[in-house]
PDB file of all heavy atoms in Angstrom:
ATOM      1  N   GLY A   1       0.830  -1.195   0.000  1.00  0.00           N
ATOM      2  CA  GLY A   1       0.000   0.000   0.000  1.00  0.00           C
ATOM      3  C   GLY A   1       0.862   1.241   0.000  1.00  0.00           C
ATOM      4  O   GLY A   1       2.102   1.160   0.038  1.00  0.00           O
ATOM      5  N   PRO A   2       0.248   2.434  -0.055  1.00  0.00           N
ATOM      6  CA  PRO A   2       1.009   3.688  -0.073  1.00  0.00           C
ATOM      7  C   PRO A   2       1.873   3.826   1.174  1.00  0.00           C
ATOM      8  O   PRO A   2       1.428   3.525   2.285  1.00  0.00           O
ATOM      9  CB  PRO A   2      -0.086   4.765  -0.116  1.00  0.00           C
ATOM     10  CG  PRO A   2      -1.309   4.059  -0.615  1.00  0.00           C
ATOM     11  CD  PRO A   2      -1.206   2.655  -0.124  1.00  0.00           C
ATOM     12  N   VAL A   3       3.097   4.301   0.993  1.00  0.00           N
ATOM     13  CA  VAL A   3       4.027   4.468   2.115  1.00  0.00           C
ATOM     14  C   VAL A   3       4.572   5.892   2.197  1.00  0.00           C
ATOM     15  O   VAL A   3       4.661   6.461   3.291  1.00  0.00           O
ATOM     16  CB  VAL A   3       5.206   3.471   2.000  1.00  0.00           C
ATOM     17  CG1 VAL A   3       6.285   3.779   3.037  1.00  0.00           C
ATOM     18  CG2 VAL A   3       4.716   2.044   2.172  1.00  0.00           C
ATOM     19  N   ALA A   4       4.928   6.487   1.084  1.00  0.00           N
ATOM     20  CA  ALA A   4       5.639   7.772   1.079  1.00  0.00           C
ATOM     21  C   ALA A   4       4.860   8.863   1.804  1.00  0.00           C
ATOM     22  O   ALA A   4       5.405   9.558   2.677  1.00  0.00           O
ATOM     23  CB  ALA A   4       5.932   8.199  -0.355  1.00  0.00           C
ATOM     24  N   GLY A   5       3.568   9.023   1.457  1.00  0.00           N
ATOM     25  CA  GLY A   5       2.769  10.077   2.082  1.00  0.00           C
ATOM     26  C   GLY A   5       2.612   9.900   3.576  1.00  0.00           C
ATOM     27  O   GLY A   5       2.960  10.805   4.366  1.00  0.00           O
ATOM     28  N   PRO A   6       2.093   8.761   4.041  1.00  0.00           N
ATOM     29  CA  PRO A   6       1.951   8.562   5.477  1.00  0.00           C
ATOM     30  C   PRO A   6       3.280   8.551   6.221  1.00  0.00           C
ATOM     31  O   PRO A   6       3.351   8.985   7.377  1.00  0.00           O
ATOM     32  CB  PRO A   6       1.235   7.212   5.598  1.00  0.00           C
ATOM     33  CG  PRO A   6       1.231   6.615   4.257  1.00  0.00           C
ATOM     34  CD  PRO A   6       1.450   7.691   3.275  1.00  0.00           C
ATOM     35  N   LEU A   7       4.353   8.094   5.572  1.00  0.00           N
ATOM     36  CA  LEU A   7       5.662   8.101   6.230  1.00  0.00           C
ATOM     37  C   LEU A   7       6.114   9.529   6.498  1.00  0.00           C
ATOM     38  O   LEU A   7       6.627   9.838   7.589  1.00  0.00           O
ATOM     39  CB  LEU A   7       6.689   7.379   5.355  1.00  0.00           C
ATOM     40  CG  LEU A   7       8.136   7.421   5.859  1.00  0.00           C
ATOM     41  CD1 LEU A   7       8.258   6.784   7.235  1.00  0.00           C
ATOM     42  CD2 LEU A   7       9.077   6.741   4.866  1.00  0.00           C
ATOM     43  N   THR A   8       5.935  10.409   5.522  1.00  0.00           N
ATOM     44  CA  THR A   8       6.308  11.808   5.712  1.00  0.00           C
ATOM     45  C   THR A   8       5.536  12.425   6.872  1.00  0.00           C
ATOM     46  O   THR A   8       6.100  13.127   7.726  1.00  0.00           O
ATOM     47  CB  THR A   8       6.046  12.612   4.431  1.00  0.00           C
ATOM     48  OG1 THR A   8       6.801  12.055   3.355  1.00  0.00           O
ATOM     49  CG2 THR A   8       6.429  14.074   4.607  1.00  0.00           C
ATOM     50  N   THR A   9       4.229  12.161   6.915  1.00  0.00           N
ATOM     51  CA  THR A   9       3.407  12.694   8.006  1.00  0.00           C
ATOM     52  C   THR A   9       3.839  12.118   9.347  1.00  0.00           C
ATOM     53  O   THR A   9       3.903  12.830  10.359  1.00  0.00           O
ATOM     54  CB  THR A   9       1.928  12.375   7.758  1.00  0.00           C
ATOM     55  OG1 THR A   9       1.548  12.832   6.465  1.00  0.00           O
ATOM     56  CG2 THR A   9       1.050  13.052   8.805  1.00  0.00           C
ATOM     57  N   THR A  10       4.159  10.827   9.380  1.00  0.00           N
ATOM     58  CA  THR A  10       4.613  10.189  10.615  1.00  0.00           C
ATOM     59  C   THR A  10       5.898  10.827  11.123  1.00  0.00           C
ATOM     60  O   THR A  10       6.037  11.116  12.324  1.00  0.00           O
ATOM     61  CB  THR A  10       4.836   8.680  10.392  1.00  0.00           C
ATOM     62  OG1 THR A  10       3.623   8.076   9.975  1.00  0.00           O
ATOM     63  CG2 THR A  10       5.314   8.016  11.676  1.00  0.00           C
ATOM     64  N   LEU A  11       6.855  11.060  10.227  1.00  0.00           N
ATOM     65  CA  LEU A  11       8.118  11.676  10.620  1.00  0.00           C
ATOM     66  C   LEU A  11       7.903  13.088  11.137  1.00  0.00           C
ATOM     67  O   LEU A  11       8.578  13.532  12.084  1.00  0.00           O
ATOM     68  CB  LEU A  11       9.090  11.681   9.438  1.00  0.00           C
ATOM     69  CG  LEU A  11       9.559  10.299   8.958  1.00  0.00           C
ATOM     70  CD1 LEU A  11      10.428  10.444   7.709  1.00  0.00           C
ATOM     71  CD2 LEU A  11      10.313   9.573  10.057  1.00  0.00           C
ATOM     72  N   MET A  12       6.944  13.807  10.557  1.00  0.00           N
ATOM     73  CA  MET A  12       6.631  15.154  11.044  1.00  0.00           C
ATOM     74  C   MET A  12       6.038  15.099  12.449  1.00  0.00           C
ATOM     75  O   MET A  12       6.394  15.903  13.313  1.00  0.00           O
ATOM     76  CB  MET A  12       5.661  15.839  10.074  1.00  0.00           C
ATOM     77  CG  MET A  12       6.265  16.180   8.726  1.00  0.00           C
ATOM     78  SD  MET A  12       5.048  16.809   7.538  1.00  0.00           S
ATOM     79  CE  MET A  12       4.493  18.294   8.379  1.00  0.00           C
ATOM     80  N   PHE A  13       5.152  14.146  12.688  1.00  0.00           N
ATOM     81  CA  PHE A  13       4.598  13.987  14.028  1.00  0.00           C
ATOM     82  C   PHE A  13       5.688  13.604  15.026  1.00  0.00           C
ATOM     83  O   PHE A  13       5.695  14.088  16.172  1.00  0.00           O
ATOM     84  CB  PHE A  13       3.496  12.926  14.026  1.00  0.00           C
ATOM     85  CG  PHE A  13       2.131  13.455  13.706  1.00  0.00           C
ATOM     86  CD1 PHE A  13       1.415  12.964  12.619  1.00  0.00           C
ATOM     87  CD2 PHE A  13       1.539  14.430  14.494  1.00  0.00           C
ATOM     88  CE1 PHE A  13       0.152  13.448  12.317  1.00  0.00           C
ATOM     89  CE2 PHE A  13       0.274  14.928  14.201  1.00  0.00           C
ATOM     90  CZ  PHE A  13      -0.426  14.430  13.115  1.00  0.00           C
ATOM     91  N   MET A  14       6.602  12.725  14.621  1.00  0.00           N
ATOM     92  CA  MET A  14       7.691  12.326  15.519  1.00  0.00           C
ATOM     93  C   MET A  14       8.547  13.531  15.904  1.00  0.00           C
ATOM     94  O   MET A  14       8.898  13.707  17.079  1.00  0.00           O
ATOM     95  CB  MET A  14       8.543  11.247  14.843  1.00  0.00           C
ATOM     96  CG  MET A  14       7.839   9.910  14.713  1.00  0.00           C
ATOM     97  SD  MET A  14       8.697   8.731  13.596  1.00  0.00           S
ATOM     98  CE  MET A  14      10.258   8.534  14.449  1.00  0.00           C
ATOM     99  N   ALA A  15       8.874  14.356  14.922  1.00  0.00           N
ATOM    100  CA  ALA A  15       9.659  15.558  15.208  1.00  0.00           C
ATOM    101  C   ALA A  15       8.892  16.500  16.129  1.00  0.00           C
ATOM    102  O   ALA A  15       9.463  17.078  17.067  1.00  0.00           O
ATOM    103  CB  ALA A  15      10.022  16.268  13.900  1.00  0.00           C
ATOM    104  N   GLY A  16       7.581  16.627  15.878  1.00  0.00           N
ATOM    105  CA  GLY A  16       6.762  17.493  16.720  1.00  0.00           C
ATOM    106  C   GLY A  16       6.702  17.010  18.162  1.00  0.00           C
ATOM    107  O   GLY A  16       6.770  17.811  19.107  1.00  0.00           O
ATOM    108  N   LEU A  17       6.594  15.698  18.353  1.00  0.00           N
ATOM    109  CA  LEU A  17       6.569  15.142  19.706  1.00  0.00           C
ATOM    110  C   LEU A  17       7.862  15.465  20.447  1.00  0.00           C
ATOM    111  O   LEU A  17       7.836  15.828  21.635  1.00  0.00           O
ATOM    112  CB  LEU A  17       6.361  13.632  19.643  1.00  0.00           C
ATOM    113  CG  LEU A  17       4.969  13.149  19.235  1.00  0.00           C
ATOM    114  CD1 LEU A  17       4.979  11.649  18.963  1.00  0.00           C
ATOM    115  CD2 LEU A  17       3.940  13.470  20.321  1.00  0.00           C
ATOM    116  N   LEU A  18       8.992  15.339  19.758  1.00  0.00           N
ATOM    117  CA  LEU A  18      10.271  15.634  20.396  1.00  0.00           C
ATOM    118  C   LEU A  18      10.408  17.118  20.714  1.00  0.00           C
ATOM    119  O   LEU A  18      10.841  17.495  21.818  1.00  0.00           O
ATOM    120  CB  LEU A  18      11.422  15.187  19.489  1.00  0.00           C
ATOM    121  CG  LEU A  18      11.592  13.674  19.302  1.00  0.00           C
ATOM    122  CD1 LEU A  18      12.718  13.392  18.321  1.00  0.00           C
ATOM    123  CD2 LEU A  18      11.845  12.976  20.628  1.00  0.00           C
ATOM    124  N   VAL A  19      10.044  17.953  19.771  1.00  0.00           N
ATOM    125  CA  VAL A  19      10.184  19.404  19.960  1.00  0.00           C
ATOM    126  C   VAL A  19       9.319  19.897  21.114  1.00  0.00           C
ATOM    127  O   VAL A  19       9.727  20.786  21.890  1.00  0.00           O
ATOM    128  CB  VAL A  19       9.814  20.144  18.651  1.00  0.00           C
ATOM    129  CG1 VAL A  19       9.686  21.644  18.903  1.00  0.00           C
ATOM    130  CG2 VAL A  19      10.869  19.877  17.591  1.00  0.00           C
ATOM    131  N   ILE A  20       8.142  19.324  21.271  1.00  0.00           N
ATOM    132  CA  ILE A  20       7.214  19.789  22.309  1.00  0.00           C
ATOM    133  C   ILE A  20       7.500  19.149  23.660  1.00  0.00           C
ATOM    134  O   ILE A  20       7.639  19.843  24.681  1.00  0.00           O
ATOM    135  CB  ILE A  20       5.759  19.517  21.890  1.00  0.00           C
ATOM    136  CG1 ILE A  20       5.391  20.338  20.654  1.00  0.00           C
ATOM    137  CG2 ILE A  20       4.799  19.836  23.038  1.00  0.00           C
ATOM    138  CD1 ILE A  20       4.036  19.990  20.064  1.00  0.00           C
ATOM    139  N   PHE A  21       7.607  17.826  23.692  1.00  0.00           N
ATOM    140  CA  PHE A  21       7.577  17.137  24.985  1.00  0.00           C
ATOM    141  C   PHE A  21       8.944  16.916  25.622  1.00  0.00           C
ATOM    142  O   PHE A  21       9.016  16.743  26.841  1.00  0.00           O
ATOM    143  CB  PHE A  21       6.825  15.808  24.847  1.00  0.00           C
ATOM    144  CG  PHE A  21       5.352  15.997  24.680  1.00  0.00           C
ATOM    145  CD1 PHE A  21       4.759  15.895  23.424  1.00  0.00           C
ATOM    146  CD2 PHE A  21       4.545  16.305  25.771  1.00  0.00           C
ATOM    147  CE1 PHE A  21       3.400  16.089  23.273  1.00  0.00           C
ATOM    148  CE2 PHE A  21       3.189  16.504  25.619  1.00  0.00           C
ATOM    149  CZ  PHE A  21       2.604  16.394  24.369  1.00  0.00           C
ATOM    150  N   VAL A  22      10.035  16.916  24.861  1.00  0.00           N
ATOM    151  CA  VAL A  22      11.346  16.808  25.501  1.00  0.00           C
ATOM    152  C   VAL A  22      11.623  18.029  26.374  1.00  0.00           C
ATOM    153  O   VAL A  22      11.975  17.884  27.552  1.00  0.00           O
ATOM    154  CB  VAL A  22      12.455  16.595  24.451  1.00  0.00           C
ATOM    155  CG1 VAL A  22      13.834  16.708  25.099  1.00  0.00           C
ATOM    156  CG2 VAL A  22      12.311  15.227  23.795  1.00  0.00           C
ATOM    157  N   PRO A  23      11.468  19.271  25.869  1.00  0.00           N
ATOM    158  CA  PRO A  23      11.671  20.426  26.755  1.00  0.00           C
ATOM    159  C   PRO A  23      10.695  20.450  27.930  1.00  0.00           C
ATOM    160  O   PRO A  23      11.082  20.824  29.057  1.00  0.00           O
ATOM    161  CB  PRO A  23      11.442  21.632  25.820  1.00  0.00           C
ATOM    162  CG  PRO A  23      11.683  21.108  24.454  1.00  0.00           C
ATOM    163  CD  PRO A  23      11.200  19.699  24.473  1.00  0.00           C
ATOM    164  N   LEU A  24       9.429  20.086  27.690  1.00  0.00           N
ATOM    165  CA  LEU A  24       8.458  20.071  28.789  1.00  0.00           C
ATOM    166  C   LEU A  24       8.870  19.070  29.867  1.00  0.00           C
ATOM    167  O   LEU A  24       8.788  19.360  31.071  1.00  0.00           O
ATOM    168  CB  LEU A  24       7.069  19.713  28.259  1.00  0.00           C
ATOM    169  CG  LEU A  24       6.334  20.790  27.461  1.00  0.00           C
ATOM    170  CD1 LEU A  24       5.007  20.238  26.923  1.00  0.00           C
ATOM    171  CD2 LEU A  24       6.073  22.021  28.322  1.00  0.00           C
ATOM    172  N   ALA A  25       9.319  17.888  29.444  1.00  0.00           N
ATOM    173  CA  ALA A  25       9.725  16.864  30.409  1.00  0.00           C
ATOM    174  C   ALA A  25      10.953  17.297  31.191  1.00  0.00           C
ATOM    175  O   ALA A  25      11.018  17.115  32.415  1.00  0.00           O
ATOM    176  CB  ALA A  25       9.988  15.551  29.679  1.00  0.00           C
ATOM    177  N   LEU A  26      11.935  17.894  30.510  1.00  0.00           N
ATOM    178  CA  LEU A  26      13.142  18.336  31.194  1.00  0.00           C
ATOM    179  C   LEU A  26      12.847  19.473  32.172  1.00  0.00           C
ATOM    180  O   LEU A  26      13.415  19.520  33.272  1.00  0.00           O
ATOM    181  CB  LEU A  26      14.187  18.768  30.170  1.00  0.00           C
ATOM    182  CG  LEU A  26      14.763  17.662  29.273  1.00  0.00           C
ATOM    183  CD1 LEU A  26      15.712  18.240  28.241  1.00  0.00           C
ATOM    184  CD2 LEU A  26      15.457  16.608  30.115  1.00  0.00           C
ATOM    185  N   ARG A  27      11.962  20.360  31.787  1.00  0.00           N
ATOM    186  CA  ARG A  27      11.586  21.460  32.684  1.00  0.00           C
ATOM    187  C   ARG A  27      10.857  20.931  33.915  1.00  0.00           C
ATOM    188  O   ARG A  27      11.141  21.333  35.039  1.00  0.00           O
ATOM    189  CB  ARG A  27      10.715  22.471  31.947  1.00  0.00           C
ATOM    190  CG  ARG A  27      10.318  23.689  32.792  1.00  0.00           C
ATOM    191  CD  ARG A  27       9.480  24.659  31.981  1.00  0.00           C
ATOM    192  NE  ARG A  27      10.186  25.121  30.805  1.00  0.00           N
ATOM    193  CZ  ARG A  27       9.639  25.926  29.877  1.00  0.00           C
ATOM    194  NH1 ARG A  27       8.366  26.324  30.013  1.00  0.00           N
ATOM    195  NH2 ARG A  27      10.337  26.310  28.854  1.00  0.00           N
ATOM    196  N   ALA A  28       9.918  20.008  33.691  1.00  0.00           N
ATOM    197  CA  ALA A  28       9.182  19.428  34.817  1.00  0.00           C
ATOM    198  C   ALA A  28      10.114  18.637  35.728  1.00  0.00           C
ATOM    199  O   ALA A  28       9.966  18.645  36.961  1.00  0.00           O
ATOM    200  CB  ALA A  28       8.059  18.527  34.295  1.00  0.00           C
ATOM    201  N   TYR A  29      11.099  17.957  35.129  1.00  0.00           N
ATOM    202  CA  TYR A  29      12.072  17.200  35.921  1.00  0.00           C
ATOM    203  C   TYR A  29      12.916  18.134  36.790  1.00  0.00           C
ATOM    204  O   TYR A  29      13.183  17.843  37.972  1.00  0.00           O
ATOM    205  CB  TYR A  29      12.954  16.395  34.982  1.00  0.00           C
ATOM    206  CG  TYR A  29      14.175  15.802  35.622  1.00  0.00           C
ATOM    207  CD1 TYR A  29      14.080  14.896  36.681  1.00  0.00           C
ATOM    208  CD2 TYR A  29      15.466  16.156  35.179  1.00  0.00           C
ATOM    209  CE1 TYR A  29      15.199  14.347  37.266  1.00  0.00           C
ATOM    210  CE2 TYR A  29      16.587  15.605  35.757  1.00  0.00           C
ATOM    211  CZ  TYR A  29      16.450  14.714  36.803  1.00  0.00           C
ATOM    212  OH  TYR A  29      17.568  14.178  37.390  1.00  0.00           O
TER     213      TYR A  29
END
């Protein structure tokens, strides 16, 4: 099945999770 489109979106979500929650977790820690 299609891979390129959903893979790009998945990688964007992964980057967003890191950008948002890593600083939040470190600050809370």
